[in-house]
Amino acid sequence: LVNAERGIVLGKKSGLDSVRIKAEELGLDLPEERRADVLARVKELGTRKRGIVDDDEFRRLVDG
């Protein structure tokens, strides 16, 4: 109705599906066996920042 875009937001309360969807959204190859590790790092970064993990930060977590 208001023509707003929807997107996945990552942070300390994210789950495995959010990580999977965000990786697909950004065209990143993230095998299932790595998702739990990336999720843990997303939660840690989100907690440390006290905010959301942006797309560039997420890319670095997936790559590193």
PDB file of N, CA and C in Angstrom:
ATOM      1  N   LEU A   1       0.800  -1.197   0.000  1.00  0.00           N
ATOM      2  CA  LEU A   1       0.000   0.000   0.000  1.00  0.00           C
ATOM      3  C   LEU A   1       0.846   1.266   0.000  1.00  0.00           C
ATOM      4  N   VAL A   2       1.950   1.254   0.744  1.00  0.00           N
ATOM      5  CA  VAL A   2       2.781   2.450   0.815  1.00  0.00           C
ATOM      6  C   VAL A   2       4.028   2.332  -0.058  1.00  0.00           C
ATOM      7  N   ASN A   3       4.125   1.239  -0.816  1.00  0.00           N
ATOM      8  CA  ASN A   3       5.219   1.014  -1.752  1.00  0.00           C
ATOM      9  C   ASN A   3       6.582   0.970  -1.069  1.00  0.00           C
ATOM     10  N   ALA A   4       6.639   0.409   0.129  1.00  0.00           N
ATOM     11  CA  ALA A   4       7.896   0.279   0.852  1.00  0.00           C
ATOM     12  C   ALA A   4       8.562  -1.045   0.487  1.00  0.00           C
ATOM     13  N   GLU A   5       9.898  -1.032   0.436  1.00  0.00           N
ATOM     14  CA  GLU A   5      10.632  -2.260   0.157  1.00  0.00           C
ATOM     15  C   GLU A   5      10.869  -3.011   1.451  1.00  0.00           C
ATOM     16  N   ARG A   6      10.867  -4.339   1.335  1.00  0.00           N
ATOM     17  CA  ARG A   6      11.154  -5.184   2.485  1.00  0.00           C
ATOM     18  C   ARG A   6      12.553  -5.751   2.335  1.00  0.00           C
ATOM     19  N   GLY A   7      13.181  -5.998   3.457  1.00  0.00           N
ATOM     20  CA  GLY A   7      14.509  -6.585   3.422  1.00  0.00           C
ATOM     21  C   GLY A   7      14.821  -7.264   4.733  1.00  0.00           C
ATOM     22  N   ILE A   8      15.814  -8.105   4.698  1.00  0.00           N
ATOM     23  CA  ILE A   8      16.257  -8.819   5.888  1.00  0.00           C
ATOM     24  C   ILE A   8      17.231  -7.934   6.660  1.00  0.00           C
ATOM     25  N   VAL A   9      17.000  -7.793   7.947  1.00  0.00           N
ATOM     26  CA  VAL A   9      17.880  -7.030   8.822  1.00  0.00           C
ATOM     27  C   VAL A   9      18.582  -8.019   9.733  1.00  0.00           C
ATOM     28  N   LEU A  10      19.902  -7.901   9.820  1.00  0.00           N
ATOM     29  CA  LEU A  10      20.689  -8.815  10.644  1.00  0.00           C
ATOM     30  C   LEU A  10      21.192  -8.116  11.893  1.00  0.00           C
ATOM     31  N   GLY A  11      21.183  -8.853  12.998  1.00  0.00           N
ATOM     32  CA  GLY A  11      21.667  -8.319  14.268  1.00  0.00           C
ATOM     33  C   GLY A  11      21.692  -9.411  15.309  1.00  0.00           C
ATOM     34  N   LYS A  12      21.678  -9.003  16.568  1.00  0.00           N
ATOM     35  CA  LYS A  12      21.845  -9.967  17.653  1.00  0.00           C
ATOM     36  C   LYS A  12      20.684 -10.950  17.798  1.00  0.00           C
ATOM     37  N   LYS A  13      19.539 -10.660  17.209  1.00  0.00           N
ATOM     38  CA  LYS A  13      18.385 -11.551  17.327  1.00  0.00           C
ATOM     39  C   LYS A  13      18.095 -12.326  16.044  1.00  0.00           C
ATOM     40  N   SER A  14      19.033 -12.308  15.108  1.00  0.00           N
ATOM     41  CA  SER A  14      18.849 -13.001  13.829  1.00  0.00           C
ATOM     42  C   SER A  14      18.895 -14.514  14.011  1.00  0.00           C
ATOM     43  N   GLY A  15      18.373 -15.215  13.008  1.00  0.00           N
ATOM     44  CA  GLY A  15      18.387 -16.669  13.010  1.00  0.00           C
ATOM     45  C   GLY A  15      19.026 -17.207  11.736  1.00  0.00           C
ATOM     46  N   LEU A  16      19.135 -18.524  11.662  1.00  0.00           N
ATOM     47  CA  LEU A  16      19.776 -19.167  10.513  1.00  0.00           C
ATOM     48  C   LEU A  16      19.083 -18.828   9.197  1.00  0.00           C
ATOM     49  N   ASP A  17      17.762 -18.776   9.201  1.00  0.00           N
ATOM     50  CA  ASP A  17      17.056 -18.449   7.960  1.00  0.00           C
ATOM     51  C   ASP A  17      17.366 -17.033   7.495  1.00  0.00           C
ATOM     52  N   SER A  18      17.514 -16.112   8.416  1.00  0.00           N
ATOM     53  CA  SER A  18      17.854 -14.736   8.047  1.00  0.00           C
ATOM     54  C   SER A  18      19.224 -14.675   7.379  1.00  0.00           C
ATOM     55  N   VAL A  19      20.166 -15.434   7.908  1.00  0.00           N
ATOM     56  CA  VAL A  19      21.506 -15.480   7.327  1.00  0.00           C
ATOM     57  C   VAL A  19      21.445 -16.089   5.925  1.00  0.00           C
ATOM     58  N   ARG A  20      20.699 -17.160   5.770  1.00  0.00           N
ATOM     59  CA  ARG A  20      20.564 -17.816   4.466  1.00  0.00           C
ATOM     60  C   ARG A  20      19.926 -16.877   3.441  1.00  0.00           C
ATOM     61  N   ILE A  21      18.838 -16.232   3.836  1.00  0.00           N
ATOM     62  CA  ILE A  21      18.122 -15.338   2.922  1.00  0.00           C
ATOM     63  C   ILE A  21      18.989 -14.146   2.542  1.00  0.00           C
ATOM     64  N   LYS A  22      19.696 -13.558   3.506  1.00  0.00           N
ATOM     65  CA  LYS A  22      20.545 -12.406   3.218  1.00  0.00           C
ATOM     66  C   LYS A  22      21.669 -12.797   2.267  1.00  0.00           C
ATOM     67  N   ALA A  23      22.265 -13.961   2.473  1.00  0.00           N
ATOM     68  CA  ALA A  23      23.327 -14.421   1.575  1.00  0.00           C
ATOM     69  C   ALA A  23      22.786 -14.585   0.155  1.00  0.00           C
ATOM     70  N   GLU A  24      21.612 -15.180   0.027  1.00  0.00           N
ATOM     71  CA  GLU A  24      20.994 -15.343  -1.293  1.00  0.00           C
ATOM     72  C   GLU A  24      20.681 -13.981  -1.912  1.00  0.00           C
ATOM     73  N   GLU A  25      20.170 -13.072  -1.097  1.00  0.00           N
ATOM     74  CA  GLU A  25      19.816 -11.726  -1.557  1.00  0.00           C
ATOM     75  C   GLU A  25      21.035 -10.998  -2.128  1.00  0.00           C
ATOM     76  N   LEU A  26      22.206 -11.225  -1.501  1.00  0.00           N
ATOM     77  CA  LEU A  26      23.428 -10.552  -1.921  1.00  0.00           C
ATOM     78  C   LEU A  26      24.233 -11.372  -2.926  1.00  0.00           C
ATOM     79  N   GLY A  27      23.727 -12.548  -3.293  1.00  0.00           N
ATOM     80  CA  GLY A  27      24.416 -13.393  -4.261  1.00  0.00           C
ATOM     81  C   GLY A  27      25.684 -14.024  -3.720  1.00  0.00           C
ATOM     82  N   LEU A  28      25.728 -14.267  -2.410  1.00  0.00           N
ATOM     83  CA  LEU A  28      26.907 -14.860  -1.778  1.00  0.00           C
ATOM     84  C   LEU A  28      26.751 -16.369  -1.653  1.00  0.00           C
ATOM     85  N   ASP A  29      27.852 -17.077  -1.841  1.00  0.00           N
ATOM     86  CA  ASP A  29      27.854 -18.525  -1.668  1.00  0.00           C
ATOM     87  C   ASP A  29      28.125 -18.828  -0.197  1.00  0.00           C
ATOM     88  N   LEU A  30      27.110 -19.296   0.505  1.00  0.00           N
ATOM     89  CA  LEU A  30      27.254 -19.612   1.923  1.00  0.00           C
ATOM     90  C   LEU A  30      26.718 -21.016   2.160  1.00  0.00           C
ATOM     91  N   PRO A  31      27.630 -22.008   2.143  1.00  0.00           N
ATOM     92  CA  PRO A  31      27.199 -23.394   2.357  1.00  0.00           C
ATOM     93  C   PRO A  31      26.517 -23.581   3.715  1.00  0.00           C
ATOM     94  N   GLU A  32      25.617 -24.528   3.756  1.00  0.00           N
ATOM     95  CA  GLU A  32      24.838 -24.786   4.976  1.00  0.00           C
ATOM     96  C   GLU A  32      25.726 -25.031   6.187  1.00  0.00           C
ATOM     97  N   GLU A  33      26.841 -25.711   5.996  1.00  0.00           N
ATOM     98  CA  GLU A  33      27.713 -26.044   7.131  1.00  0.00           C
ATOM     99  C   GLU A  33      28.424 -24.820   7.720  1.00  0.00           C
ATOM    100  N   ARG A  34      28.428 -23.691   7.022  1.00  0.00           N
ATOM    101  CA  ARG A  34      29.052 -22.467   7.536  1.00  0.00           C
ATOM    102  C   ARG A  34      28.056 -21.496   8.145  1.00  0.00           C
ATOM    103  N   ARG A  35      26.780 -21.731   7.943  1.00  0.00           N
ATOM    104  CA  ARG A  35      25.757 -20.759   8.373  1.00  0.00           C
ATOM    105  C   ARG A  35      25.746 -20.524   9.873  1.00  0.00           C
ATOM    106  N   ALA A  36      25.904 -21.568  10.657  1.00  0.00           N
ATOM    107  CA  ALA A  36      25.880 -21.412  12.120  1.00  0.00           C
ATOM    108  C   ALA A  36      27.048 -20.552  12.588  1.00  0.00           C
ATOM    109  N   ASP A  37      28.228 -20.737  11.984  1.00  0.00           N
ATOM    110  CA  ASP A  37      29.391 -19.934  12.347  1.00  0.00           C
ATOM    111  C   ASP A  37      29.175 -18.471  11.972  1.00  0.00           C
ATOM    112  N   VAL A  38      28.670 -18.228  10.763  1.00  0.00           N
ATOM    113  CA  VAL A  38      28.408 -16.856  10.332  1.00  0.00           C
ATOM    114  C   VAL A  38      27.339 -16.227  11.214  1.00  0.00           C
ATOM    115  N   LEU A  39      26.308 -16.989  11.567  1.00  0.00           N
ATOM    116  CA  LEU A  39      25.267 -16.480  12.458  1.00  0.00           C
ATOM    117  C   LEU A  39      25.856 -16.046  13.799  1.00  0.00           C
ATOM    118  N   ALA A  40      26.737 -16.860  14.359  1.00  0.00           N
ATOM    119  CA  ALA A  40      27.362 -16.519  15.643  1.00  0.00           C
ATOM    120  C   ALA A  40      28.145 -15.219  15.518  1.00  0.00           C
ATOM    121  N   ARG A  41      28.826 -15.030  14.395  1.00  0.00           N
ATOM    122  CA  ARG A  41      29.609 -13.811  14.195  1.00  0.00           C
ATOM    123  C   ARG A  41      28.701 -12.600  13.960  1.00  0.00           C
ATOM    124  N   VAL A  42      27.575 -12.813  13.269  1.00  0.00           N
ATOM    125  CA  VAL A  42      26.590 -11.740  13.087  1.00  0.00           C
ATOM    126  C   VAL A  42      26.055 -11.300  14.445  1.00  0.00           C
ATOM    127  N   LYS A  43      25.686 -12.255  15.293  1.00  0.00           N
ATOM    128  CA  LYS A  43      25.141 -11.936  16.612  1.00  0.00           C
ATOM    129  C   LYS A  43      26.173 -11.202  17.465  1.00  0.00           C
ATOM    130  N   GLU A  44      27.429 -11.652  17.407  1.00  0.00           N
ATOM    131  CA  GLU A  44      28.492 -11.021  18.187  1.00  0.00           C
ATOM    132  C   GLU A  44      28.707  -9.579  17.724  1.00  0.00           C
ATOM    133  N   LEU A  45      28.762  -9.365  16.411  1.00  0.00           N
ATOM    134  CA  LEU A  45      28.957  -8.019  15.881  1.00  0.00           C
ATOM    135  C   LEU A  45      27.758  -7.125  16.200  1.00  0.00           C
ATOM    136  N   GLY A  46      26.559  -7.652  16.036  1.00  0.00           N
ATOM    137  CA  GLY A  46      25.361  -6.873  16.342  1.00  0.00           C
ATOM    138  C   GLY A  46      25.303  -6.460  17.805  1.00  0.00           C
ATOM    139  N   THR A  47      25.714  -7.355  18.672  1.00  0.00           N
ATOM    140  CA  THR A  47      25.731  -7.059  20.113  1.00  0.00           C
ATOM    141  C   THR A  47      26.786  -6.008  20.421  1.00  0.00           C
ATOM    142  N   ARG A  48      27.964  -6.176  19.835  1.00  0.00           N
ATOM    143  CA  ARG A  48      29.058  -5.234  20.074  1.00  0.00           C
ATOM    144  C   ARG A  48      28.710  -3.841  19.563  1.00  0.00           C
ATOM    145  N   LYS A  49      28.093  -3.770  18.384  1.00  0.00           N
ATOM    146  CA  LYS A  49      27.711  -2.484  17.794  1.00  0.00           C
ATOM    147  C   LYS A  49      26.459  -1.888  18.424  1.00  0.00           C
ATOM    148  N   ARG A  50      25.666  -2.773  19.047  1.00  0.00           N
ATOM    149  CA  ARG A  50      24.345  -2.376  19.544  1.00  0.00           C
ATOM    150  C   ARG A  50      23.488  -1.849  18.401  1.00  0.00           C
ATOM    151  N   GLY A  51      23.540  -2.595  17.300  1.00  0.00           N
ATOM    152  CA  GLY A  51      22.778  -2.183  16.129  1.00  0.00           C
ATOM    153  C   GLY A  51      22.767  -3.282  15.086  1.00  0.00           C
ATOM    154  N   ILE A  52      22.347  -2.912  13.889  1.00  0.00           N
ATOM    155  CA  ILE A  52      22.237  -3.897  12.828  1.00  0.00           C
ATOM    156  C   ILE A  52      23.570  -4.068  12.102  1.00  0.00           C
ATOM    157  N   VAL A  53      23.720  -5.222  11.479  1.00  0.00           N
ATOM    158  CA  VAL A  53      24.888  -5.531  10.668  1.00  0.00           C
ATOM    159  C   VAL A  53      24.530  -5.172   9.232  1.00  0.00           C
ATOM    160  N   ASP A  54      25.278  -4.244   8.644  1.00  0.00           N
ATOM    161  CA  ASP A  54      24.947  -3.828   7.279  1.00  0.00           C
ATOM    162  C   ASP A  54      25.475  -4.828   6.251  1.00  0.00           C
ATOM    163  N   ASP A  55      25.125  -4.620   5.002  1.00  0.00           N
ATOM    164  CA  ASP A  55      25.472  -5.570   3.943  1.00  0.00           C
ATOM    165  C   ASP A  55      26.978  -5.728   3.777  1.00  0.00           C
ATOM    166  N   ASP A  56      27.734  -4.639   3.846  1.00  0.00           N
ATOM    167  CA  ASP A  56      29.184  -4.730   3.702  1.00  0.00           C
ATOM    168  C   ASP A  56      29.808  -5.520   4.850  1.00  0.00           C
ATOM    169  N   GLU A  57      29.336  -5.294   6.055  1.00  0.00           N
ATOM    170  CA  GLU A  57      29.839  -6.046   7.210  1.00  0.00           C
ATOM    171  C   GLU A  57      29.504  -7.524   7.058  1.00  0.00           C
ATOM    172  N   PHE A  58      28.299  -7.814   6.584  1.00  0.00           N
ATOM    173  CA  PHE A  58      27.896  -9.204   6.397  1.00  0.00           C
ATOM    174  C   PHE A  58      28.781  -9.871   5.345  1.00  0.00           C
ATOM    175  N   ARG A  59      29.057  -9.176   4.255  1.00  0.00           N
ATOM    176  CA  ARG A  59      29.954  -9.724   3.223  1.00  0.00           C
ATOM    177  C   ARG A  59      31.315 -10.071   3.818  1.00  0.00           C
ATOM    178  N   ARG A  60      31.855  -9.183   4.638  1.00  0.00           N
ATOM    179  CA  ARG A  60      33.162  -9.450   5.272  1.00  0.00           C
ATOM    180  C   ARG A  60      33.096 -10.664   6.195  1.00  0.00           C
ATOM    181  N   LEU A  61      32.006 -10.814   6.929  1.00  0.00           N
ATOM    182  CA  LEU A  61      31.864 -11.985   7.801  1.00  0.00           C
ATOM    183  C   LEU A  61      31.806 -13.275   6.996  1.00  0.00           C
ATOM    184  N   VAL A  62      31.112 -13.242   5.876  1.00  0.00           N
ATOM    185  CA  VAL A  62      31.010 -14.428   5.029  1.00  0.00           C
ATOM    186  C   VAL A  62      32.359 -14.744   4.386  1.00  0.00           C
ATOM    187  N   ASP A  63      33.051 -13.716   3.933  1.00  0.00           N
ATOM    188  CA  ASP A  63      34.344 -13.917   3.258  1.00  0.00           C
ATOM    189  C   ASP A  63      35.455 -14.315   4.232  1.00  0.00           C
ATOM    190  N   GLY A  64      35.360 -13.841   5.457  1.00  0.00           N
ATOM    191  CA  GLY A  64      36.464 -14.063   6.396  1.00  0.00           C
ATOM    192  C   GLY A  64      36.189 -15.136   7.344  1.00  0.00           C
TER     193      GLY A  64
END
